[in-house]
PDB file of N, CA and C in Angstrom:
ATOM      1  N   MET A   1     -34.500 -91.147 116.728  1.00  0.00           N
ATOM      2  CA  MET A   1     -35.396 -89.949 116.897  1.00  0.00           C
ATOM      3  C   MET A   1     -35.096 -88.815 116.040  1.00  0.00           C
ATOM      4  N   ILE A   2     -33.857 -88.682 115.860  1.00  0.00           N
ATOM      5  CA  ILE A   2     -33.235 -87.435 114.984  1.00  0.00           C
ATOM      6  C   ILE A   2     -33.648 -87.803 113.340  1.00  0.00           C
ATOM      7  N   SER A   3     -33.566 -88.983 112.985  1.00  0.00           N
ATOM      8  CA  SER A   3     -33.997 -89.122 111.690  1.00  0.00           C
ATOM      9  C   SER A   3     -35.379 -88.949 111.376  1.00  0.00           C
ATOM     10  N   GLY A   4     -36.345 -89.259 112.430  1.00  0.00           N
ATOM     11  CA  GLY A   4     -37.910 -88.934 112.608  1.00  0.00           C
ATOM     12  C   GLY A   4     -38.136 -87.286 112.366  1.00  0.00           C
ATOM     13  N   ILE A   5     -37.474 -86.634 113.006  1.00  0.00           N
ATOM     14  CA  ILE A   5     -37.397 -85.148 112.955  1.00  0.00           C
ATOM     15  C   ILE A   5     -37.022 -84.778 111.644  1.00  0.00           C
ATOM     16  N   LEU A   6     -35.974 -85.378 111.028  1.00  0.00           N
ATOM     17  CA  LEU A   6     -35.538 -84.858 110.050  1.00  0.00           C
ATOM     18  C   LEU A   6     -36.471 -85.271 108.740  1.00  0.00           C
ATOM     19  N   THR A   7     -37.063 -86.459 108.861  1.00  0.00           N
ATOM     20  CA  THR A   7     -38.132 -86.766 107.836  1.00  0.00           C
ATOM     21  C   THR A   7     -39.272 -85.887 107.843  1.00  0.00           C
ATOM     22  N   ALA A   8     -39.548 -85.370 109.031  1.00  0.00           N
ATOM     23  CA  ALA A   8     -40.780 -84.627 109.281  1.00  0.00           C
ATOM     24  C   ALA A   8     -40.520 -83.213 108.693  1.00  0.00           C
ATOM     25  N   ILE A   9     -39.379 -82.824 108.900  1.00  0.00           N
ATOM     26  CA  ILE A   9     -39.016 -81.423 108.217  1.00  0.00           C
ATOM     27  C   ILE A   9     -38.868 -81.301 106.882  1.00  0.00           C
ATOM     28  N   LEU A  10     -38.263 -82.644 106.305  1.00  0.00           N
ATOM     29  CA  LEU A  10     -38.112 -82.640 105.016  1.00  0.00           C
ATOM     30  C   LEU A  10     -39.538 -82.750 104.143  1.00  0.00           C
ATOM     31  N   MET A  11     -40.650 -83.532 104.806  1.00  0.00           N
ATOM     32  CA  MET A  11     -41.872 -83.672 104.440  1.00  0.00           C
ATOM     33  C   MET A  11     -42.605 -82.295 104.278  1.00  0.00           C
ATOM     34  N   VAL A  12     -42.263 -81.487 105.358  1.00  0.00           N
ATOM     35  CA  VAL A  12     -43.074 -80.120 105.434  1.00  0.00           C
ATOM     36  C   VAL A  12     -42.320 -79.160 104.302  1.00  0.00           C
ATOM     37  N   ALA A  13     -41.035 -79.354 104.064  1.00  0.00           N
ATOM     38  CA  ALA A  13     -40.484 -78.658 103.070  1.00  0.00           C
ATOM     39  C   ALA A  13     -40.959 -78.976 101.552  1.00  0.00           C
ATOM     40  N   PHE A  14     -41.151 -80.275 101.453  1.00  0.00           N
ATOM     41  CA  PHE A  14     -41.632 -80.653 100.056  1.00  0.00           C
ATOM     42  C   PHE A  14     -43.261 -80.144  99.934  1.00  0.00           C
ATOM     43  N   PHE A  15     -44.167 -80.257 101.086  1.00  0.00           N
ATOM     44  CA  PHE A  15     -45.461 -79.735 100.825  1.00  0.00           C
ATOM     45  C   PHE A  15     -45.527 -78.344 100.506  1.00  0.00           C
ATOM     46  N   ILE A  16     -44.438 -77.515 101.198  1.00  0.00           N
ATOM     47  CA  ILE A  16     -44.541 -76.248 100.906  1.00  0.00           C
ATOM     48  C   ILE A  16     -44.074 -75.973  99.532  1.00  0.00           C
ATOM     49  N   MET A  17     -43.093 -76.587  99.115  1.00  0.00           N
ATOM     50  CA  MET A  17     -42.710 -76.488  97.624  1.00  0.00           C
ATOM     51  C   MET A  17     -43.664 -76.959  96.489  1.00  0.00           C
ATOM     52  N   VAL A  18     -44.498 -77.779  96.921  1.00  0.00           N
ATOM     53  CA  VAL A  18     -45.732 -78.374  96.119  1.00  0.00           C
ATOM     54  C   VAL A  18     -46.746 -77.139  95.983  1.00  0.00           C
ATOM     55  N   GLY A  19     -47.039 -76.639  97.292  1.00  0.00           N
ATOM     56  CA  GLY A  19     -48.052 -75.555  97.567  1.00  0.00           C
ATOM     57  C   GLY A  19     -47.567 -74.351  96.709  1.00  0.00           C
ATOM     58  N   TRP A  20     -46.264 -74.210  96.798  1.00  0.00           N
ATOM     59  CA  TRP A  20     -45.905 -72.967  96.029  1.00  0.00           C
ATOM     60  C   TRP A  20     -45.877 -73.270  94.509  1.00  0.00           C
ATOM     61  N   ALA A  21     -45.521 -74.317  93.900  1.00  0.00           N
ATOM     62  CA  ALA A  21     -45.598 -74.622  92.496  1.00  0.00           C
ATOM     63  C   ALA A  21     -47.103 -74.545  92.038  1.00  0.00           C
ATOM     64  N   TRP A  22     -48.119 -74.851  92.735  1.00  0.00           N
ATOM     65  CA  TRP A  22     -49.254 -75.031  92.197  1.00  0.00           C
ATOM     66  C   TRP A  22     -50.210 -73.885  92.536  1.00  0.00           C
ATOM     67  N   SER A  23     -49.587 -72.626  93.291  1.00  0.00           N
ATOM     68  CA  SER A  23     -50.436 -71.614  93.589  1.00  0.00           C
ATOM     69  C   SER A  23     -50.898 -71.191  92.405  1.00  0.00           C
ATOM     70  N   SER A  24     -51.980 -70.264  92.555  1.00  0.00           N
ATOM     71  CA  SER A  24     -52.486 -69.683  91.506  1.00  0.00           C
ATOM     72  C   SER A  24     -51.784 -68.491  90.971  1.00  0.00           C
ATOM     73  N   ARG A  25     -50.823 -67.700  91.910  1.00  0.00           N
ATOM     74  CA  ARG A  25     -50.159 -66.612  91.703  1.00  0.00           C
ATOM     75  C   ARG A  25     -49.017 -67.131  90.740  1.00  0.00           C
ATOM     76  N   ARG A  26     -48.545 -68.288  90.562  1.00  0.00           N
ATOM     77  CA  ARG A  26     -47.516 -68.671  89.754  1.00  0.00           C
ATOM     78  C   ARG A  26     -47.892 -69.046  88.404  1.00  0.00           C
ATOM     79  N   LYS A  27     -48.996 -69.208  88.096  1.00  0.00           N
ATOM     80  CA  LYS A  27     -49.630 -69.748  86.865  1.00  0.00           C
ATOM     81  C   LYS A  27     -49.232 -68.864  85.756  1.00  0.00           C
ATOM     82  N   GLY A  28     -49.171 -67.716  85.751  1.00  0.00           N
ATOM     83  CA  GLY A  28     -48.922 -66.798  84.552  1.00  0.00           C
ATOM     84  C   GLY A  28     -47.509 -66.984  84.346  1.00  0.00           C
ATOM     85  N   GLU A  29     -46.518 -67.002  85.238  1.00  0.00           N
ATOM     86  CA  GLU A  29     -45.158 -67.211  85.005  1.00  0.00           C
ATOM     87  C   GLU A  29     -44.693 -68.582  84.574  1.00  0.00           C
ATOM     88  N   PHE A  30     -45.280 -69.586  85.037  1.00  0.00           N
ATOM     89  CA  PHE A  30     -45.087 -70.954  84.604  1.00  0.00           C
ATOM     90  C   PHE A  30     -45.524 -71.061  83.186  1.00  0.00           C
ATOM     91  N   GLU A  31     -46.820 -70.375  82.769  1.00  0.00           N
ATOM     92  CA  GLU A  31     -47.275 -70.528  81.335  1.00  0.00           C
ATOM     93  C   GLU A  31     -46.296 -69.609  80.367  1.00  0.00           C
ATOM     94  N   HIS A  32     -45.725 -68.646  80.704  1.00  0.00           N
ATOM     95  CA  HIS A  32     -44.652 -67.913  80.056  1.00  0.00           C
ATOM     96  C   HIS A  32     -43.455 -68.768  79.795  1.00  0.00           C
ATOM     97  N   MET A  33     -43.004 -69.306  80.910  1.00  0.00           N
ATOM     98  CA  MET A  33     -41.793 -70.252  80.657  1.00  0.00           C
ATOM     99  C   MET A  33     -42.170 -71.502  79.902  1.00  0.00           C
ATOM    100  N   ALA A  34     -43.384 -71.736  79.814  1.00  0.00           N
ATOM    101  CA  ALA A  34     -43.662 -73.118  78.846  1.00  0.00           C
ATOM    102  C   ALA A  34     -43.609 -72.575  77.493  1.00  0.00           C
ATOM    103  N   ASN A  35     -43.961 -71.357  77.242  1.00  0.00           N
ATOM    104  CA  ASN A  35     -43.827 -70.995  75.851  1.00  0.00           C
ATOM    105  C   ASN A  35     -42.599 -70.452  75.324  1.00  0.00           C
ATOM    106  N   LEU A  36     -41.600 -70.424  76.296  1.00  0.00           N
ATOM    107  CA  LEU A  36     -40.291 -69.917  75.752  1.00  0.00           C
ATOM    108  C   LEU A  36     -39.549 -70.730  74.620  1.00  0.00           C
ATOM    109  N   PRO A  37     -39.640 -71.990  74.665  1.00  0.00           N
ATOM    110  CA  PRO A  37     -39.081 -72.890  73.479  1.00  0.00           C
ATOM    111  C   PRO A  37     -39.840 -72.412  72.259  1.00  0.00           C
ATOM    112  N   LEU A  38     -41.152 -72.041  72.234  1.00  0.00           N
ATOM    113  CA  LEU A  38     -41.615 -71.599  71.236  1.00  0.00           C
ATOM    114  C   LEU A  38     -41.230 -70.335  70.599  1.00  0.00           C
ATOM    115  N   GLU A  39     -41.181 -69.212  71.485  1.00  0.00           N
ATOM    116  CA  GLU A  39     -40.710 -67.992  70.981  1.00  0.00           C
ATOM    117  C   GLU A  39     -39.332 -68.132  70.679  1.00  0.00           C
ATOM    118  N   ASP A  40     -38.455 -68.921  71.159  1.00  0.00           N
ATOM    119  CA  ASP A  40     -37.009 -68.949  70.806  1.00  0.00           C
ATOM    120  C   ASP A  40     -37.159 -69.459  69.268  1.00  0.00           C
ATOM    121  N   ASP A  41     -37.810 -70.370  68.953  1.00  0.00           N
ATOM    122  CA  ASP A  41     -37.714 -70.799  67.411  1.00  0.00           C
ATOM    123  C   ASP A  41     -38.433 -69.692  66.670  1.00  0.00           C
ATOM    124  N   ASP A  42     -39.304 -68.757  67.098  1.00  0.00           N
ATOM    125  CA  ASP A  42     -39.690 -67.555  66.220  1.00  0.00           C
ATOM    126  C   ASP A  42     -38.605 -66.808  66.112  1.00  0.00           C
ATOM    127  N   ILE A  43     -37.803 -66.431  67.100  1.00  0.00           N
ATOM    128  CA  ILE A  43     -36.581 -65.528  67.108  1.00  0.00           C
ATOM    129  C   ILE A  43     -35.670 -65.988  65.997  1.00  0.00           C
ATOM    130  N   LYS A  44     -35.241 -67.304  66.127  1.00  0.00           N
ATOM    131  CA  LYS A  44     -34.179 -67.859  65.094  1.00  0.00           C
ATOM    132  C   LYS A  44     -34.873 -67.839  63.579  1.00  0.00           C
ATOM    133  N   ALA A  45     -36.145 -68.076  63.534  1.00  0.00           N
ATOM    134  CA  ALA A  45     -36.816 -67.878  62.197  1.00  0.00           C
ATOM    135  C   ALA A  45     -36.560 -66.439  61.700  1.00  0.00           C
ATOM    136  N   ILE A  46     -36.807 -65.632  62.533  1.00  0.00           N
ATOM    137  CA  ILE A  46     -36.673 -64.146  62.166  1.00  0.00           C
ATOM    138  C   ILE A  46     -35.230 -63.797  61.706  1.00  0.00           C
ATOM    139  N   ASN A  47     -34.485 -64.235  62.430  1.00  0.00           N
ATOM    140  CA  ASN A  47     -33.011 -64.090  62.289  1.00  0.00           C
ATOM    141  C   ASN A  47     -32.425 -64.739  60.978  1.00  0.00           C
ATOM    142  N   LYS A  48     -33.003 -66.096  60.852  1.00  0.00           N
ATOM    143  CA  LYS A  48     -32.583 -66.718  59.604  1.00  0.00           C
ATOM    144  C   LYS A  48     -33.003 -65.960  58.247  1.00  0.00           C
ATOM    145  N   GLU A  49     -34.387 -65.426  58.337  1.00  0.00           N
ATOM    146  CA  GLU A  49     -34.980 -64.617  57.233  1.00  0.00           C
ATOM    147  C   GLU A  49     -34.185 -63.506  57.019  1.00  0.00           C
ATOM    148  N   GLY A  50     -33.580 -62.744  58.087  1.00  0.00           N
ATOM    149  CA  GLY A  50     -32.830 -61.676  57.760  1.00  0.00           C
ATOM    150  C   GLY A  50     -31.544 -61.806  57.227  1.00  0.00           C
ATOM    151  N   GLU A  51     -30.879 -62.966  57.631  1.00  0.00           N
ATOM    152  CA  GLU A  51     -29.778 -63.384  57.013  1.00  0.00           C
ATOM    153  C   GLU A  51     -29.706 -63.694  55.476  1.00  0.00           C
ATOM    154  N   GLN A  52     -30.928 -64.300  55.186  1.00  0.00           N
ATOM    155  CA  GLN A  52     -31.164 -64.661  53.854  1.00  0.00           C
ATOM    156  C   GLN A  52     -31.215 -63.278  53.112  1.00  0.00           C
ATOM    157  N   ASN A  53     -31.894 -62.501  53.537  1.00  0.00           N
ATOM    158  CA  ASN A  53     -32.156 -61.052  52.815  1.00  0.00           C
ATOM    159  C   ASN A  53     -30.928 -60.146  53.010  1.00  0.00           C
ATOM    160  N   GLY A  54     -30.041 -60.622  53.566  1.00  0.00           N
ATOM    161  CA  GLY A  54     -28.835 -59.745  53.692  1.00  0.00           C
ATOM    162  C   GLY A  54     -29.101 -58.652  54.748  1.00  0.00           C
ATOM    163  N   ASN A  55     -30.001 -58.720  55.680  1.00  0.00           N
ATOM    164  CA  ASN A  55     -30.201 -57.887  56.633  1.00  0.00           C
ATOM    165  C   ASN A  55     -29.445 -58.457  58.063  1.00  0.00           C
ATOM    166  N   VAL A  56     -28.298 -58.506  58.097  1.00  0.00           N
ATOM    167  CA  VAL A  56     -27.750 -59.078  59.368  1.00  0.00           C
ATOM    168  C   VAL A  56     -27.711 -57.873  60.446  1.00  0.00           C
TER     169      VAL A  56
END
C-alpha cells in the first residue's frame, strides 16, 4: 500500500519536472545555457590574444 502511494507521488513529481523543463518560459534560459561552452571558448581566445600582444 505504502509503496503504491510512494510510486504515485514520485510519478507526479517526475511529470511536474518534465513539464517545467519543456515549458516555453524556460526556452530562452536553456538556449543561453546551451551556448555557454561556445562563449567560454571566445573568452579564452580573447584572453590568449591579449597575452600574445602583451596586454595581460
